[in-house]
N, C-alpha and C. Protein backbone atom coordinates (compact mmCIF):
# COMPACT_ATOMS: atom_id res chain seq x y z
N MET A 1 23.64 -70.73 -64.52
CA MET A 1 22.37 -71.41 -64.60
C MET A 1 21.72 -71.52 -63.24
N GLY A 2 22.55 -71.71 -62.19
CA GLY A 2 22.02 -71.85 -60.84
C GLY A 2 21.37 -70.56 -60.36
N ALA A 3 21.99 -69.40 -60.67
CA ALA A 3 21.43 -68.12 -60.22
C ALA A 3 20.10 -67.85 -60.91
N LEU A 4 20.00 -68.18 -62.20
CA LEU A 4 18.75 -67.99 -62.93
C LEU A 4 17.67 -68.89 -62.36
N HIS A 5 18.04 -70.14 -62.05
CA HIS A 5 17.09 -71.09 -61.49
C HIS A 5 16.57 -70.60 -60.13
N ASN A 6 17.48 -70.09 -59.29
CA ASN A 6 17.08 -69.59 -57.97
C ASN A 6 16.17 -68.37 -58.09
N SER A 7 16.46 -67.47 -59.04
CA SER A 7 15.62 -66.28 -59.17
C SER A 7 14.23 -66.65 -59.67
N ARG A 8 14.15 -67.64 -60.56
CA ARG A 8 12.82 -68.09 -61.03
C ARG A 8 12.04 -68.73 -59.89
N ASN A 9 12.72 -69.52 -59.05
CA ASN A 9 12.03 -70.12 -57.90
C ASN A 9 11.48 -69.05 -56.97
N ARG A 10 12.27 -67.99 -56.76
CA ARG A 10 11.80 -66.90 -55.90
C ARG A 10 10.58 -66.21 -56.51
N GLN A 11 10.62 -66.02 -57.83
CA GLN A 11 9.47 -65.39 -58.48
C GLN A 11 8.23 -66.26 -58.33
N PHE A 12 8.37 -67.56 -58.52
CA PHE A 12 7.22 -68.45 -58.37
C PHE A 12 6.75 -68.49 -56.92
N GLU A 13 7.70 -68.46 -55.98
CA GLU A 13 7.31 -68.45 -54.57
C GLU A 13 6.54 -67.17 -54.25
N ARG A 14 7.02 -66.04 -54.76
CA ARG A 14 6.31 -64.79 -54.53
C ARG A 14 4.93 -64.82 -55.17
N ALA A 15 4.87 -65.37 -56.37
CA ALA A 15 3.58 -65.45 -57.05
C ALA A 15 2.63 -66.37 -56.27
N GLY A 16 3.16 -67.46 -55.74
CA GLY A 16 2.34 -68.37 -54.95
C GLY A 16 1.81 -67.70 -53.69
N VAL A 17 2.66 -66.92 -53.02
CA VAL A 17 2.23 -66.19 -51.83
C VAL A 17 1.17 -65.17 -52.21
N ALA A 18 1.39 -64.46 -53.32
CA ALA A 18 0.41 -63.46 -53.76
C ALA A 18 -0.92 -64.13 -54.09
N LEU A 19 -0.88 -65.27 -54.76
CA LEU A 19 -2.12 -65.97 -55.08
C LEU A 19 -2.82 -66.45 -53.82
N LYS A 20 -2.03 -66.92 -52.85
CA LYS A 20 -2.63 -67.39 -51.61
C LYS A 20 -3.29 -66.22 -50.87
N ILE A 21 -2.62 -65.08 -50.82
CA ILE A 21 -3.20 -63.92 -50.15
C ILE A 21 -4.46 -63.48 -50.88
N ARG A 22 -4.42 -63.43 -52.19
CA ARG A 22 -5.61 -63.04 -52.95
C ARG A 22 -6.74 -64.05 -52.75
N ALA A 23 -6.43 -65.33 -52.68
CA ALA A 23 -7.46 -66.33 -52.47
C ALA A 23 -8.10 -66.15 -51.10
N ASP A 24 -7.28 -65.88 -50.07
CA ASP A 24 -7.83 -65.65 -48.74
C ASP A 24 -8.70 -64.40 -48.73
N MET A 25 -8.26 -63.35 -49.39
CA MET A 25 -9.03 -62.12 -49.43
C MET A 25 -10.34 -62.33 -50.18
N SER A 26 -10.31 -63.10 -51.24
CA SER A 26 -11.55 -63.31 -51.99
C SER A 26 -12.53 -64.15 -51.20
N LEU A 27 -12.04 -65.11 -50.41
CA LEU A 27 -12.95 -65.89 -49.57
C LEU A 27 -13.56 -65.01 -48.49
N GLU A 28 -12.75 -64.12 -47.91
CA GLU A 28 -13.27 -63.21 -46.90
C GLU A 28 -14.29 -62.27 -47.54
N TRP A 29 -13.98 -61.76 -48.71
CA TRP A 29 -14.91 -60.87 -49.41
C TRP A 29 -16.18 -61.61 -49.77
N LEU A 30 -16.04 -62.87 -50.21
CA LEU A 30 -17.21 -63.66 -50.57
C LEU A 30 -18.10 -63.87 -49.36
N GLU A 31 -17.49 -64.20 -48.22
CA GLU A 31 -18.27 -64.37 -47.00
C GLU A 31 -18.94 -63.06 -46.60
N TYR A 32 -18.21 -61.96 -46.72
CA TYR A 32 -18.74 -60.65 -46.37
C TYR A 32 -19.90 -60.28 -47.30
N ALA A 33 -19.79 -60.61 -48.56
CA ALA A 33 -20.83 -60.26 -49.52
C ALA A 33 -22.05 -61.18 -49.41
N LEU A 34 -21.82 -62.45 -49.09
CA LEU A 34 -22.94 -63.40 -49.02
C LEU A 34 -23.66 -63.40 -47.68
N ALA A 35 -23.05 -62.85 -46.64
CA ALA A 35 -23.67 -62.88 -45.31
C ALA A 35 -25.06 -62.26 -45.30
N PRO A 36 -25.28 -61.08 -45.89
CA PRO A 36 -26.64 -60.53 -45.87
C PRO A 36 -27.64 -61.39 -46.62
N ILE A 37 -27.22 -62.05 -47.68
CA ILE A 37 -28.13 -62.91 -48.44
C ILE A 37 -28.49 -64.14 -47.61
N ILE A 38 -27.50 -64.75 -46.96
CA ILE A 38 -27.76 -65.92 -46.13
C ILE A 38 -28.65 -65.54 -44.95
N ILE A 39 -28.42 -64.38 -44.37
CA ILE A 39 -29.25 -63.92 -43.26
C ILE A 39 -30.68 -63.68 -43.72
N ALA A 40 -30.85 -63.10 -44.90
CA ALA A 40 -32.21 -62.86 -45.42
C ALA A 40 -32.93 -64.17 -45.69
N VAL A 41 -32.24 -65.14 -46.28
CA VAL A 41 -32.87 -66.45 -46.54
C VAL A 41 -33.21 -67.13 -45.22
N GLY A 42 -32.30 -67.05 -44.26
CA GLY A 42 -32.55 -67.65 -42.95
C GLY A 42 -33.74 -67.01 -42.26
N THR A 43 -33.89 -65.69 -42.43
CA THR A 43 -35.04 -65.00 -41.84
C THR A 43 -36.34 -65.49 -42.47
N LYS A 44 -36.32 -65.73 -43.76
CA LYS A 44 -37.51 -66.28 -44.43
C LYS A 44 -37.84 -67.68 -43.90
N VAL A 45 -36.80 -68.48 -43.62
CA VAL A 45 -37.03 -69.81 -43.05
C VAL A 45 -37.66 -69.69 -41.68
N VAL A 46 -37.16 -68.75 -40.87
CA VAL A 46 -37.73 -68.53 -39.53
C VAL A 46 -39.21 -68.15 -39.65
N MET A 47 -39.50 -67.22 -40.54
CA MET A 47 -40.89 -66.78 -40.70
C MET A 47 -41.78 -67.90 -41.22
N GLY A 48 -41.29 -68.66 -42.21
CA GLY A 48 -42.08 -69.76 -42.76
C GLY A 48 -42.36 -70.84 -41.74
N ALA A 49 -41.35 -71.20 -40.95
CA ALA A 49 -41.54 -72.23 -39.93
C ALA A 49 -42.49 -71.73 -38.84
N ALA A 50 -42.40 -70.45 -38.49
CA ALA A 50 -43.30 -69.90 -37.48
C ALA A 50 -44.74 -69.87 -37.99
N ILE A 51 -44.92 -69.53 -39.26
CA ILE A 51 -46.27 -69.55 -39.85
C ILE A 51 -46.81 -70.97 -39.88
N ALA A 52 -45.97 -71.94 -40.25
CA ALA A 52 -46.40 -73.33 -40.26
C ALA A 52 -46.78 -73.80 -38.86
N TYR A 53 -45.99 -73.40 -37.87
CA TYR A 53 -46.29 -73.77 -36.48
C TYR A 53 -47.64 -73.20 -36.05
N ASN A 54 -47.87 -71.92 -36.33
CA ASN A 54 -49.15 -71.29 -35.95
C ASN A 54 -50.32 -71.95 -36.66
N PHE A 55 -50.14 -72.24 -37.95
CA PHE A 55 -51.21 -72.89 -38.71
C PHE A 55 -51.53 -74.26 -38.14
N LEU A 56 -50.52 -75.07 -37.92
CA LEU A 56 -50.74 -76.43 -37.41
C LEU A 56 -51.34 -76.41 -36.01
N GLU A 57 -50.93 -75.45 -35.20
CA GLU A 57 -51.49 -75.37 -33.86
C GLU A 57 -52.96 -74.94 -33.90
N ARG A 58 -53.29 -73.98 -34.78
CA ARG A 58 -54.69 -73.56 -34.90
C ARG A 58 -55.56 -74.68 -35.44
N VAL A 59 -55.06 -75.40 -36.44
CA VAL A 59 -55.83 -76.52 -37.00
C VAL A 59 -56.01 -77.60 -35.94
N GLY A 60 -55.01 -77.80 -35.10
CA GLY A 60 -55.11 -78.79 -34.04
C GLY A 60 -56.15 -78.45 -32.99
N LYS A 61 -56.56 -77.20 -32.92
CA LYS A 61 -57.58 -76.78 -31.95
C LYS A 61 -58.98 -76.71 -32.54
N LEU A 62 -59.11 -77.00 -33.82
CA LEU A 62 -60.43 -76.99 -34.46
C LEU A 62 -61.26 -78.17 -33.96
N PRO A 63 -62.59 -78.07 -34.09
CA PRO A 63 -63.45 -79.19 -33.66
C PRO A 63 -63.43 -80.32 -34.69
N ILE A 64 -62.34 -81.05 -34.71
CA ILE A 64 -62.19 -82.20 -35.59
C ILE A 64 -61.94 -83.41 -34.70
N PRO A 65 -61.97 -84.62 -35.25
CA PRO A 65 -61.74 -85.79 -34.40
C PRO A 65 -60.43 -85.68 -33.61
N TYR A 66 -60.44 -86.25 -32.42
CA TYR A 66 -59.34 -86.17 -31.47
C TYR A 66 -58.01 -86.63 -32.07
N VAL A 67 -58.06 -87.70 -32.87
CA VAL A 67 -56.83 -88.24 -33.46
C VAL A 67 -56.18 -87.21 -34.38
N PHE A 68 -56.98 -86.52 -35.20
CA PHE A 68 -56.44 -85.52 -36.11
C PHE A 68 -55.91 -84.30 -35.35
N GLN A 69 -56.58 -83.95 -34.26
CA GLN A 69 -56.08 -82.85 -33.43
C GLN A 69 -54.67 -83.16 -32.93
N ARG A 70 -54.49 -84.35 -32.43
CA ARG A 70 -53.19 -84.75 -31.89
C ARG A 70 -52.13 -84.82 -32.99
N ILE A 71 -52.51 -85.26 -34.17
CA ILE A 71 -51.55 -85.33 -35.29
C ILE A 71 -51.07 -83.93 -35.65
N PHE A 72 -52.01 -82.97 -35.76
CA PHE A 72 -51.62 -81.61 -36.11
C PHE A 72 -50.78 -80.97 -35.01
N ILE A 73 -51.13 -81.23 -33.77
CA ILE A 73 -50.34 -80.67 -32.67
C ILE A 73 -48.94 -81.30 -32.66
N LEU A 74 -48.84 -82.60 -32.92
CA LEU A 74 -47.53 -83.24 -32.97
C LEU A 74 -46.69 -82.73 -34.15
N LEU A 75 -47.34 -82.41 -35.26
CA LEU A 75 -46.61 -81.85 -36.40
C LEU A 75 -46.15 -80.41 -36.14
N SER A 76 -46.84 -79.72 -35.24
CA SER A 76 -46.45 -78.34 -34.96
C SER A 76 -45.15 -78.27 -34.15
N ILE A 77 -44.82 -79.31 -33.42
CA ILE A 77 -43.61 -79.29 -32.58
C ILE A 77 -42.34 -79.18 -33.44
N PRO A 78 -42.15 -80.02 -34.48
CA PRO A 78 -40.94 -79.83 -35.31
C PRO A 78 -40.90 -78.48 -36.02
N ALA A 79 -42.06 -77.93 -36.38
CA ALA A 79 -42.08 -76.61 -37.02
C ALA A 79 -41.57 -75.55 -36.04
N PHE A 80 -41.99 -75.65 -34.78
CA PHE A 80 -41.51 -74.70 -33.79
C PHE A 80 -40.00 -74.87 -33.56
N LYS A 81 -39.55 -76.11 -33.45
CA LYS A 81 -38.12 -76.35 -33.24
C LYS A 81 -37.29 -75.85 -34.41
N LEU A 82 -37.78 -76.03 -35.63
CA LEU A 82 -37.08 -75.52 -36.81
C LEU A 82 -37.01 -74.00 -36.77
N SER A 83 -38.12 -73.36 -36.40
CA SER A 83 -38.13 -71.90 -36.30
C SER A 83 -37.14 -71.42 -35.25
N GLU A 84 -37.10 -72.07 -34.11
CA GLU A 84 -36.18 -71.67 -33.04
C GLU A 84 -34.72 -71.88 -33.45
N PHE A 85 -34.42 -73.03 -34.07
CA PHE A 85 -33.06 -73.30 -34.51
C PHE A 85 -32.62 -72.29 -35.57
N ALA A 86 -33.49 -72.04 -36.55
CA ALA A 86 -33.15 -71.09 -37.61
C ALA A 86 -32.94 -69.69 -37.04
N PHE A 87 -33.76 -69.32 -36.05
CA PHE A 87 -33.59 -68.01 -35.43
C PHE A 87 -32.22 -67.90 -34.77
N HIS A 88 -31.84 -68.91 -33.99
CA HIS A 88 -30.55 -68.86 -33.32
C HIS A 88 -29.40 -68.87 -34.33
N PHE A 89 -29.54 -69.62 -35.41
CA PHE A 89 -28.50 -69.65 -36.44
C PHE A 89 -28.35 -68.29 -37.12
N VAL A 90 -29.48 -67.67 -37.48
CA VAL A 90 -29.44 -66.36 -38.13
C VAL A 90 -28.89 -65.31 -37.15
N PHE A 91 -29.27 -65.42 -35.89
CA PHE A 91 -28.77 -64.48 -34.89
C PHE A 91 -27.25 -64.60 -34.76
N PHE A 92 -26.75 -65.85 -34.76
CA PHE A 92 -25.31 -66.08 -34.72
C PHE A 92 -24.62 -65.46 -35.94
N LEU A 93 -25.19 -65.67 -37.14
CA LEU A 93 -24.60 -65.10 -38.35
C LEU A 93 -24.61 -63.58 -38.32
N GLN A 94 -25.68 -62.99 -37.80
CA GLN A 94 -25.73 -61.53 -37.73
C GLN A 94 -24.68 -60.99 -36.78
N LYS A 95 -24.50 -61.64 -35.63
CA LYS A 95 -23.47 -61.18 -34.70
C LYS A 95 -22.08 -61.31 -35.33
N ARG A 96 -21.85 -62.39 -36.05
CA ARG A 96 -20.56 -62.58 -36.70
C ARG A 96 -20.33 -61.52 -37.77
N HIS A 97 -21.37 -61.22 -38.53
CA HIS A 97 -21.28 -60.19 -39.57
C HIS A 97 -21.03 -58.82 -38.94
N LEU A 98 -21.69 -58.53 -37.82
CA LEU A 98 -21.47 -57.26 -37.13
C LEU A 98 -20.04 -57.16 -36.62
N ARG A 99 -19.48 -58.28 -36.14
CA ARG A 99 -18.08 -58.25 -35.69
C ARG A 99 -17.14 -57.94 -36.85
N ALA A 100 -17.42 -58.53 -38.01
CA ALA A 100 -16.57 -58.28 -39.18
C ALA A 100 -16.66 -56.81 -39.60
N ILE A 101 -17.85 -56.26 -39.58
CA ILE A 101 -18.03 -54.85 -39.92
C ILE A 101 -17.32 -53.98 -38.89
N GLY A 102 -17.43 -54.36 -37.61
CA GLY A 102 -16.76 -53.59 -36.56
C GLY A 102 -15.25 -53.60 -36.71
N ARG A 103 -14.69 -54.76 -37.07
CA ARG A 103 -13.25 -54.84 -37.29
C ARG A 103 -12.82 -53.95 -38.45
N GLN A 104 -13.61 -53.97 -39.53
CA GLN A 104 -13.27 -53.12 -40.67
C GLN A 104 -13.37 -51.64 -40.30
N THR A 105 -14.38 -51.29 -39.53
CA THR A 105 -14.54 -49.90 -39.10
C THR A 105 -13.36 -49.47 -38.23
N ALA A 106 -12.93 -50.36 -37.32
CA ALA A 106 -11.79 -50.03 -36.46
C ALA A 106 -10.51 -49.88 -37.29
N LEU A 107 -10.35 -50.72 -38.31
CA LEU A 107 -9.17 -50.60 -39.17
C LEU A 107 -9.16 -49.28 -39.94
N LEU A 108 -10.35 -48.77 -40.24
CA LEU A 108 -10.45 -47.50 -40.97
C LEU A 108 -10.41 -46.29 -40.04
N GLY A 109 -10.28 -46.55 -38.73
CA GLY A 109 -10.15 -45.44 -37.79
C GLY A 109 -11.41 -45.14 -37.01
N GLY A 110 -12.46 -45.90 -37.19
CA GLY A 110 -13.70 -45.68 -36.46
C GLY A 110 -13.72 -46.45 -35.15
N HIS A 111 -14.88 -46.47 -34.52
CA HIS A 111 -15.03 -47.17 -33.25
C HIS A 111 -15.75 -48.50 -33.50
N ASP A 112 -15.24 -49.55 -32.90
CA ASP A 112 -15.82 -50.88 -33.05
C ASP A 112 -16.89 -51.09 -31.99
N TYR A 113 -18.17 -51.02 -32.40
CA TYR A 113 -19.28 -51.22 -31.47
C TYR A 113 -19.71 -52.67 -31.37
N SER A 114 -19.08 -53.57 -32.10
CA SER A 114 -19.55 -54.95 -32.13
C SER A 114 -19.41 -55.65 -30.78
N GLY A 115 -18.51 -55.20 -29.92
CA GLY A 115 -18.36 -55.81 -28.61
C GLY A 115 -19.57 -55.61 -27.72
N TYR A 116 -20.35 -54.57 -27.98
CA TYR A 116 -21.53 -54.31 -27.18
C TYR A 116 -22.61 -55.37 -27.39
N PHE A 117 -22.61 -56.01 -28.55
CA PHE A 117 -23.67 -56.96 -28.88
C PHE A 117 -23.42 -58.35 -28.32
N ASP A 118 -22.25 -58.57 -27.70
CA ASP A 118 -21.97 -59.89 -27.14
C ASP A 118 -22.81 -60.19 -25.90
N ASN A 119 -23.35 -59.15 -25.26
CA ASN A 119 -24.10 -59.34 -24.03
C ASN A 119 -25.58 -59.63 -24.25
N ILE A 120 -26.02 -59.69 -25.48
CA ILE A 120 -27.43 -59.96 -25.74
C ILE A 120 -27.71 -61.44 -25.50
N VAL A 121 -28.71 -61.70 -24.67
CA VAL A 121 -29.11 -63.06 -24.35
C VAL A 121 -30.48 -63.30 -24.99
N VAL A 122 -30.59 -64.35 -25.79
CA VAL A 122 -31.85 -64.68 -26.42
C VAL A 122 -32.37 -65.96 -25.77
N ASP A 123 -33.49 -65.82 -25.05
CA ASP A 123 -34.08 -66.96 -24.36
C ASP A 123 -35.59 -66.92 -24.59
N PHE A 124 -36.11 -67.89 -25.34
CA PHE A 124 -37.54 -67.91 -25.64
C PHE A 124 -38.38 -68.19 -24.40
N ARG A 125 -37.79 -68.86 -23.41
CA ARG A 125 -38.55 -69.19 -22.21
C ARG A 125 -38.69 -67.99 -21.29
N ASP A 126 -37.82 -66.97 -21.45
CA ASP A 126 -37.85 -65.79 -20.59
C ASP A 126 -37.70 -64.53 -21.45
N PRO A 127 -38.80 -64.08 -22.09
CA PRO A 127 -38.71 -62.91 -22.96
C PRO A 127 -38.28 -61.64 -22.22
N ALA A 128 -38.60 -61.55 -20.93
CA ALA A 128 -38.22 -60.36 -20.16
C ALA A 128 -36.69 -60.26 -20.07
N ARG A 129 -36.02 -61.39 -19.95
CA ARG A 129 -34.55 -61.39 -19.88
C ARG A 129 -33.95 -60.92 -21.20
N THR A 130 -34.54 -61.37 -22.31
CA THR A 130 -34.08 -60.94 -23.63
C THR A 130 -34.27 -59.43 -23.79
N THR A 131 -35.45 -58.94 -23.42
CA THR A 131 -35.74 -57.51 -23.53
C THR A 131 -34.79 -56.70 -22.66
N GLU A 132 -34.54 -57.19 -21.45
CA GLU A 132 -33.63 -56.49 -20.54
C GLU A 132 -32.20 -56.42 -21.10
N SER A 133 -31.74 -57.51 -21.69
CA SER A 133 -30.38 -57.51 -22.24
C SER A 133 -30.27 -56.59 -23.45
N VAL A 134 -31.30 -56.53 -24.28
CA VAL A 134 -31.28 -55.62 -25.43
C VAL A 134 -31.31 -54.17 -24.95
N GLN A 135 -32.12 -53.89 -23.91
CA GLN A 135 -32.16 -52.52 -23.38
C GLN A 135 -30.83 -52.13 -22.76
N LYS A 136 -30.15 -53.09 -22.11
CA LYS A 136 -28.85 -52.81 -21.52
C LYS A 136 -27.83 -52.46 -22.60
N VAL A 137 -27.85 -53.20 -23.71
CA VAL A 137 -26.94 -52.90 -24.82
C VAL A 137 -27.26 -51.54 -25.40
N ASN A 138 -28.54 -51.23 -25.54
CA ASN A 138 -28.95 -49.93 -26.08
C ASN A 138 -28.47 -48.80 -25.19
N ARG A 139 -28.61 -48.96 -23.87
CA ARG A 139 -28.14 -47.92 -22.94
C ARG A 139 -26.62 -47.75 -23.02
N SER A 140 -25.90 -48.86 -23.12
CA SER A 140 -24.43 -48.76 -23.18
C SER A 140 -23.98 -48.10 -24.48
N LEU A 141 -24.67 -48.36 -25.60
CA LEU A 141 -24.34 -47.69 -26.86
C LEU A 141 -24.62 -46.19 -26.78
N GLU A 142 -25.75 -45.83 -26.17
CA GLU A 142 -26.07 -44.41 -26.03
C GLU A 142 -25.06 -43.72 -25.13
N ALA A 143 -24.64 -44.39 -24.05
CA ALA A 143 -23.64 -43.80 -23.15
C ALA A 143 -22.30 -43.62 -23.87
N ALA A 144 -21.93 -44.59 -24.70
CA ALA A 144 -20.67 -44.48 -25.45
C ALA A 144 -20.73 -43.33 -26.43
N GLN A 145 -21.86 -43.11 -27.06
CA GLN A 145 -21.99 -41.99 -27.99
C GLN A 145 -21.96 -40.65 -27.27
N ARG A 146 -22.60 -40.60 -26.10
CA ARG A 146 -22.60 -39.33 -25.33
C ARG A 146 -21.21 -38.99 -24.81
N SER A 147 -20.44 -40.02 -24.44
CA SER A 147 -19.12 -39.76 -23.86
C SER A 147 -18.08 -39.38 -24.92
N GLY A 148 -18.44 -39.53 -26.19
CA GLY A 148 -17.53 -39.12 -27.25
C GLY A 148 -16.63 -40.22 -27.75
N ASN A 149 -16.96 -41.48 -27.44
CA ASN A 149 -16.16 -42.59 -27.96
C ASN A 149 -16.40 -42.80 -29.44
N ALA A 150 -17.53 -42.33 -29.92
CA ALA A 150 -17.83 -42.51 -31.35
C ALA A 150 -17.07 -41.48 -32.16
N ARG A 151 -16.65 -41.90 -33.33
CA ARG A 151 -15.92 -40.97 -34.21
C ARG A 151 -16.77 -40.63 -35.39
């Protein structure tokens, strides 16, 4: 009876490990599958908040009473902050998704280019710095492809 009991416990333990592994894989797959949808929704939030900011700022500059101008300009500030926050959040999600894709590509025998994107700096106060960092990443990717690191 003891040997049968021990073998059943081992079977249940193995089944539990298998279920745990499958649960982890399904969560990873779910995150991988939902990332583009979350990024798309976040991009719509960025665009909507930016449109609201532009609208409120333009209305605030119309020839209307001074009090209403100030109200519209004050309302435009949270719209801009929401747009900036959503942009940074979506940018973070995209970088994370690119890293996951890079890891999968490396596991399949390809080259992981996701490390090149870590050097991108996004700064709204200095657009030239952002442009320079994107150009630097682009040059490094082109150099890696020319040198034959790509498979």
